[in-house]
Amino acid sequence: MRRSTAGLILVVVLAFASRTLADEYPSRSIRFLQGFAPGGNADIISRIVGEELQQGLGQTIVYESRPGAAGNIASEAVVRSEPDGYTLLLLTTGHPISAALYKSLKFDPVKDFTFISTVTRVPYFFVVNANSRFATMVELVKEARTKPQAVTFGTAGVGTGQHLTGELTASAVGAKMLHVPFRGDSGAVTALLSESVDLVIAPGTAIFGNLAAGKFRALGVSGRQRWQPLPDVPTIAETVAPGFEVMGWIGVATVRGVPKPIVDRLNAQVRRIVALPTVQKKLLDIGNIPQSSTSEEFTTLVAADIARFGGVIEKAGIPRQ
């Protein structure tokens, strides 16, 4: 009886402490990490979300870029942080891909994180320099088939959604392309501007400016449907690989063990932010489709994608890193 009463008291005390902590949260600035180079899709979206989060929570958001290893360096930093809600992480599709692609990671990609909410779904664009010898995806694929690894494609790094999209495309059309990884989309874009690579696969954030300036030419988009603001750019499924579709995502996470009331508050904030018309326009303007979720839905998505990408990587014969 005493043990039962003591246990009940402990539960009540912990629940009260957790609620008090949530009521006081946040009482100081919040770090918001992302694992790619400044100026890329992840960096821009972290600032779009962070700006509104700062207003909603009434505390300063401190942005940190930790580029490298397809976002894993930033993930490692967050896993080592205190589970108090003061360190957030912008995750991309590279997170589950890394879990499937890398032989070992310094964290468990599901158990070591609390997944707060998704923010967007992301189609990838296939772009070439305006001076490129390729006018269409059909032309590019034809050369890639007849001259294995003669066509080079740049991405934000090994294990990113961009990388896997390129490998999946090559596998789908029976071609071999040479992957050239960079530390973020901006590095790949710079290489394409100098014609150091033939093709770049990137989210709209990274390439729309150069498309508008006439420096790049878009050959295709990875989504099931054409991107409405660029109706003349066909899908990969329309041109070279029927049924092809790859969509990335971006979401907000933190380390495991953060009290649920704080997670719930953060989830409510992110969902509020994604629903704002001003934020939706900003996200759409840079090639992202706004889409929030519950914490449980995001967790399920990550676990399912790890399994899905594992199968895709094995089928495509992509070497594990």
Protein backbone atom coordinates (compact mmCIF):
# COMPACT_ATOMS: atom_id res chain seq x y z
CA MET A 1 0.00 0.00 0.00
CA ARG A 2 2.80 2.40 0.91
CA ARG A 3 4.59 1.61 -2.36
CA SER A 4 1.40 2.25 -4.32
CA THR A 5 0.83 5.57 -2.56
CA ALA A 6 4.46 6.59 -3.00
CA GLY A 7 4.27 5.72 -6.68
CA LEU A 8 1.14 7.80 -7.11
CA ILE A 9 2.73 10.74 -5.36
CA LEU A 10 5.79 10.48 -7.62
CA VAL A 11 3.60 10.49 -10.74
CA VAL A 12 1.73 13.56 -9.52
CA VAL A 13 4.96 15.37 -8.64
CA LEU A 14 6.53 14.59 -12.01
CA ALA A 15 3.38 15.66 -13.87
CA PHE A 16 3.27 18.92 -11.90
CA ALA A 17 6.97 19.57 -12.53
CA SER A 18 6.56 18.85 -16.24
CA ARG A 19 3.57 21.19 -16.50
CA THR A 20 5.38 23.92 -14.56
CA LEU A 21 8.39 23.57 -16.84
CA ALA A 22 6.16 23.89 -19.90
CA ASP A 23 4.39 26.92 -18.47
CA GLU A 24 7.74 28.64 -17.92
CA TYR A 25 9.12 27.60 -21.33
CA PRO A 26 10.85 29.33 -22.94
CA SER A 27 12.68 31.57 -20.51
CA ARG A 28 15.78 32.12 -22.65
CA SER A 29 16.97 32.01 -26.25
CA ILE A 30 16.55 28.89 -28.39
CA ARG A 31 19.21 27.41 -30.69
CA PHE A 32 17.96 26.33 -34.11
CA LEU A 33 20.43 24.13 -36.00
CA GLN A 34 20.43 22.99 -39.60
CA GLY A 35 22.97 20.75 -41.27
CA PHE A 36 23.66 22.44 -44.60
CA ALA A 37 25.52 25.44 -45.98
CA PRO A 38 24.14 28.96 -45.44
CA GLY A 39 21.85 30.16 -48.22
CA GLY A 40 20.46 26.72 -49.07
CA ASN A 41 16.91 25.40 -48.75
CA ALA A 42 17.35 24.23 -45.15
CA ASP A 43 18.93 27.50 -44.04
CA ILE A 44 16.24 29.65 -45.66
CA ILE A 45 13.38 27.59 -44.27
CA SER A 46 14.90 27.54 -40.78
CA ARG A 47 14.83 31.32 -40.86
CA ILE A 48 11.28 31.51 -42.21
CA VAL A 49 10.09 29.23 -39.42
CA GLY A 50 12.42 30.74 -36.82
CA GLU A 51 11.25 34.28 -37.41
CA GLU A 52 7.64 33.34 -36.68
CA LEU A 53 8.64 31.01 -33.84
CA GLN A 54 10.50 33.87 -32.20
CA GLN A 55 7.35 35.99 -32.26
CA GLY A 56 5.13 33.15 -31.07
CA LEU A 57 7.36 32.12 -28.17
CA GLY A 58 8.65 35.56 -27.25
CA GLN A 59 12.30 34.50 -27.17
CA THR A 60 15.28 34.99 -29.49
CA ILE A 61 16.04 32.25 -32.01
CA VAL A 62 19.78 31.74 -32.56
CA TYR A 63 20.49 30.12 -35.95
CA GLU A 64 23.39 27.72 -36.36
CA SER A 65 24.63 26.14 -39.58
CA ARG A 66 26.55 22.87 -39.10
CA PRO A 67 27.13 21.66 -42.68
CA GLY A 68 28.53 18.26 -43.54
CA ALA A 69 27.76 14.53 -43.78
CA ALA A 70 24.28 15.10 -45.26
CA GLY A 71 23.12 16.93 -42.13
CA ASN A 72 24.48 14.36 -39.67
CA ILE A 73 26.93 16.76 -38.01
CA ALA A 74 24.03 18.97 -36.94
CA SER A 75 22.07 15.92 -35.83
CA GLU A 76 24.98 14.75 -33.65
CA ALA A 77 25.14 18.17 -32.00
CA VAL A 78 21.44 18.09 -31.18
CA VAL A 79 21.61 14.55 -29.81
CA ARG A 80 24.28 15.74 -27.36
CA SER A 81 22.13 18.66 -26.16
CA GLU A 82 20.02 18.81 -23.03
CA PRO A 83 16.41 17.56 -23.46
CA ASP A 84 14.91 20.88 -22.43
CA GLY A 85 13.46 22.24 -25.68
CA TYR A 86 16.16 24.89 -26.11
CA THR A 87 17.90 23.15 -29.02
CA LEU A 88 15.90 22.56 -32.19
CA LEU A 89 16.90 20.94 -35.46
CA LEU A 90 15.66 21.43 -38.99
CA LEU A 91 15.65 17.95 -40.51
CA THR A 92 15.51 17.03 -44.20
CA THR A 93 14.90 13.84 -46.17
CA GLY A 94 18.63 13.26 -45.82
CA HIS A 95 17.97 12.04 -42.27
CA PRO A 96 16.23 8.74 -43.15
CA ILE A 97 18.43 8.34 -46.21
CA SER A 98 21.53 8.51 -44.00
CA ALA A 99 20.06 5.85 -41.76
CA ALA A 100 19.74 3.57 -44.79
CA LEU A 101 22.94 4.61 -46.56
CA TYR A 102 25.58 4.88 -43.83
CA LYS A 103 26.99 1.73 -42.23
CA SER A 104 27.18 3.45 -38.86
CA LEU A 105 25.92 6.67 -37.34
CA LYS A 106 26.69 8.26 -33.98
CA PHE A 107 23.01 8.29 -33.11
CA ASP A 108 19.86 6.25 -33.52
CA PRO A 109 17.89 8.06 -36.27
CA VAL A 110 14.54 7.38 -34.59
CA LYS A 111 15.05 6.69 -30.88
CA ASP A 112 17.43 9.60 -30.21
CA PHE A 113 15.05 12.27 -31.54
CA THR A 114 11.71 13.84 -30.81
CA PHE A 115 10.04 14.72 -34.11
CA ILE A 116 7.94 17.85 -33.67
CA SER A 117 6.27 18.52 -37.03
CA THR A 118 6.89 18.51 -40.75
CA VAL A 119 7.02 21.90 -42.47
CA THR A 120 7.10 21.17 -46.20
CA ARG A 121 7.20 18.60 -48.98
CA VAL A 122 9.93 19.29 -51.52
CA PRO A 123 10.18 18.43 -55.24
CA TYR A 124 13.65 18.42 -56.80
CA PHE A 125 14.53 20.24 -60.03
CA PHE A 126 16.97 18.99 -62.67
CA VAL A 127 18.81 22.01 -64.06
CA VAL A 128 21.68 22.62 -66.47
CA ASN A 129 23.71 25.67 -67.39
CA ALA A 130 22.08 27.82 -70.06
CA ASN A 131 25.03 26.96 -72.33
CA SER A 132 24.61 23.22 -71.81
CA ARG A 133 24.63 20.78 -74.69
CA PHE A 134 21.48 19.26 -73.19
CA ALA A 135 18.15 20.85 -74.12
CA THR A 136 15.97 18.07 -72.66
CA MET A 137 16.13 15.18 -70.20
CA VAL A 138 15.81 12.82 -73.17
CA GLU A 139 19.09 14.15 -74.58
CA LEU A 140 20.84 13.96 -71.21
CA VAL A 141 19.67 10.40 -70.58
CA LYS A 142 20.72 9.30 -74.07
CA GLU A 143 24.31 10.38 -73.40
CA ALA A 144 24.29 8.93 -69.90
CA ARG A 145 23.25 5.57 -71.34
CA THR A 146 25.80 5.49 -74.13
CA LYS A 147 28.67 7.03 -72.17
CA PRO A 148 28.59 5.71 -68.58
CA GLN A 149 29.64 8.33 -66.00
CA ALA A 150 30.32 10.93 -68.71
CA VAL A 151 27.41 13.00 -67.38
CA THR A 152 28.18 14.54 -63.99
CA PHE A 153 25.52 15.66 -61.51
CA GLY A 154 26.13 17.88 -58.52
CA THR A 155 24.14 17.78 -55.28
CA ALA A 156 24.18 19.07 -51.71
CA GLY A 157 26.13 16.01 -50.62
CA VAL A 158 26.30 12.23 -50.27
CA GLY A 159 23.16 10.82 -48.71
CA THR A 160 20.94 13.82 -49.40
CA GLY A 161 17.55 13.59 -51.09
CA GLN A 162 19.16 15.25 -54.10
CA HIS A 163 21.80 12.53 -54.32
CA LEU A 164 19.33 9.69 -54.03
CA THR A 165 17.04 11.31 -56.59
CA GLY A 166 19.89 11.36 -59.10
CA GLU A 167 20.79 7.74 -58.40
CA LEU A 168 17.16 6.67 -58.67
CA THR A 169 16.81 8.49 -61.98
CA ALA A 170 19.90 6.81 -63.39
CA SER A 171 18.66 3.42 -62.20
CA ALA A 172 15.18 4.02 -63.64
CA VAL A 173 16.50 4.85 -67.11
CA GLY A 174 19.33 2.32 -67.21
CA ALA A 175 22.12 4.88 -67.18
CA LYS A 176 25.25 5.67 -65.17
CA MET A 177 25.96 9.23 -64.03
CA LEU A 178 28.89 10.45 -61.94
CA HIS A 179 27.86 11.98 -58.63
CA VAL A 180 29.77 15.10 -57.52
CA PRO A 181 28.87 15.95 -53.89
CA PHE A 182 29.17 19.42 -52.35
CA ARG A 183 28.63 20.77 -48.85
CA GLY A 184 25.20 22.21 -49.57
CA ASP A 185 23.15 23.28 -52.56
CA SER A 186 25.05 26.54 -52.91
CA GLY A 187 28.28 24.67 -53.73
CA ALA A 188 26.53 22.66 -56.42
CA VAL A 189 24.97 25.80 -57.90
CA THR A 190 28.36 27.55 -58.01
CA ALA A 191 29.80 24.54 -59.84
CA LEU A 192 27.00 24.63 -62.39
CA LEU A 193 27.49 28.35 -62.98
CA SER A 194 31.11 27.63 -63.87
CA GLU A 195 30.05 24.56 -65.88
CA SER A 196 32.15 22.30 -63.66
CA VAL A 197 29.25 19.81 -63.61
CA ASP A 198 26.69 18.99 -66.29
CA LEU A 199 23.61 18.82 -64.12
CA VAL A 200 22.46 19.88 -60.67
CA ILE A 201 19.57 18.34 -58.75
CA ALA A 202 18.29 20.78 -56.15
CA PRO A 203 15.19 22.26 -54.52
CA GLY A 204 13.71 25.40 -55.99
CA THR A 205 15.26 27.57 -53.29
CA ALA A 206 18.69 26.99 -54.74
CA ILE A 207 17.99 27.48 -58.43
CA PHE A 208 14.99 29.76 -59.04
CA GLY A 209 17.09 32.95 -59.04
CA ASN A 210 19.44 31.66 -61.73
CA LEU A 211 16.53 30.28 -63.71
CA ALA A 212 14.86 33.69 -63.69
CA ALA A 213 18.14 35.33 -64.71
CA GLY A 214 18.48 33.00 -67.68
CA LYS A 215 21.68 31.39 -66.36
CA PHE A 216 20.10 27.96 -65.84
CA ARG A 217 17.66 25.83 -67.82
CA ALA A 218 15.30 23.42 -66.06
CA LEU A 219 14.95 20.03 -67.74
CA GLY A 220 12.61 18.33 -65.29
CA VAL A 221 11.05 18.10 -61.85
CA SER A 222 10.86 15.02 -59.61
CA GLY A 223 7.27 15.42 -58.39
CA ARG A 224 4.21 13.66 -59.73
CA GLN A 225 2.91 16.93 -61.12
CA ARG A 226 4.54 19.90 -62.81
CA TRP A 227 5.43 22.83 -60.58
CA GLN A 228 2.63 25.34 -61.21
CA PRO A 229 4.83 28.47 -61.46
CA LEU A 230 6.97 26.65 -64.07
CA PRO A 231 4.35 24.91 -66.23
CA ASP A 232 6.74 24.36 -69.15
CA VAL A 233 9.09 22.20 -67.07
CA PRO A 234 8.00 18.55 -67.48
CA THR A 235 8.16 15.89 -64.80
CA ILE A 236 10.76 13.14 -65.02
CA ALA A 237 7.84 10.70 -65.34
CA GLU A 238 6.62 12.47 -68.48
CA THR A 239 9.94 12.42 -70.26
CA VAL A 240 12.25 9.55 -69.37
CA ALA A 241 10.89 7.40 -66.51
CA PRO A 242 7.13 6.67 -66.42
CA GLY A 243 5.79 6.49 -62.85
CA PHE A 244 8.85 8.21 -61.38
CA GLU A 245 8.28 10.39 -58.32
CA VAL A 246 10.55 11.53 -55.49
CA MET A 247 9.44 14.13 -52.96
CA GLY A 248 11.60 15.28 -50.09
CA TRP A 249 10.44 16.86 -46.85
CA ILE A 250 11.62 19.26 -44.19
CA GLY A 251 10.59 19.26 -40.55
CA VAL A 252 11.49 20.40 -37.05
CA ALA A 253 12.87 18.01 -34.42
CA THR A 254 14.77 17.99 -31.15
CA VAL A 255 16.56 15.50 -28.92
CA ARG A 256 14.60 12.71 -27.23
CA GLY A 257 13.40 13.20 -23.68
CA VAL A 258 11.99 16.71 -24.05
CA PRO A 259 8.87 16.90 -21.83
CA LYS A 260 5.68 16.28 -23.78
CA PRO A 261 4.02 19.58 -22.79
CA ILE A 262 6.96 21.43 -24.38
CA VAL A 263 6.81 19.22 -27.48
CA ASP A 264 3.08 19.86 -27.72
CA ARG A 265 3.63 23.60 -27.48
CA LEU A 266 6.32 23.51 -30.15
CA ASN A 267 4.10 21.39 -32.39
CA ALA A 268 1.24 23.84 -32.01
CA GLN A 269 3.58 26.71 -32.89
CA VAL A 270 4.99 25.02 -36.00
CA ARG A 271 1.52 24.07 -37.23
CA ARG A 272 0.33 27.63 -36.64
CA ILE A 273 3.31 28.97 -38.55
CA VAL A 274 2.86 26.65 -41.54
CA ALA A 275 -0.81 27.67 -41.77
CA LEU A 276 -0.01 31.39 -42.00
CA PRO A 277 -0.78 32.72 -45.53
CA THR A 278 2.40 34.81 -45.51
CA VAL A 279 4.54 31.78 -44.64
CA GLN A 280 2.77 29.58 -47.18
CA LYS A 281 3.53 32.11 -49.91
CA LYS A 282 7.20 32.31 -48.89
CA LEU A 283 7.50 28.52 -48.95
CA LEU A 284 5.74 28.15 -52.29
CA ASP A 285 7.85 30.92 -53.81
CA ILE A 286 10.99 28.89 -53.11
CA GLY A 287 9.61 25.59 -54.41
CA ASN A 288 8.28 24.02 -51.22
CA ILE A 289 4.77 22.71 -50.54
CA PRO A 290 3.63 23.68 -47.00
CA GLN A 291 2.58 20.66 -44.92
CA SER A 292 2.61 20.30 -41.13
CA SER A 293 1.88 17.21 -39.04
CA THR A 294 1.48 15.85 -35.56
CA SER A 295 4.57 14.65 -33.73
CA GLU A 296 3.35 11.07 -34.08
CA GLU A 297 2.78 11.42 -37.84
CA PHE A 298 6.27 12.82 -38.32
CA THR A 299 7.80 9.97 -36.30
CA THR A 300 5.93 7.43 -38.42
CA LEU A 301 7.08 9.17 -41.61
CA VAL A 302 10.75 9.01 -40.59
CA ALA A 303 10.59 5.33 -39.64
CA ALA A 304 8.75 4.43 -42.85
CA ASP A 305 11.20 6.39 -45.00
CA ILE A 306 14.19 4.62 -43.45
CA ALA A 307 12.70 1.29 -44.50
CA ARG A 308 11.64 2.60 -47.91
CA PHE A 309 14.98 4.20 -48.76
CA GLY A 310 16.82 1.11 -47.57
CA GLY A 311 14.96 -0.93 -50.16
CA VAL A 312 15.53 1.67 -52.85
CA ILE A 313 19.27 1.91 -52.15
CA GLU A 314 19.65 -1.86 -52.27
CA LYS A 315 17.66 -2.16 -55.51
CA ALA A 316 19.59 0.65 -57.15
CA GLY A 317 22.92 -0.88 -56.10
CA ILE A 318 24.09 2.30 -54.35
CA PRO A 319 27.19 1.46 -52.25
CA ARG A 320 26.73 1.98 -48.51
CA GLN A 321 29.04 4.64 -47.16
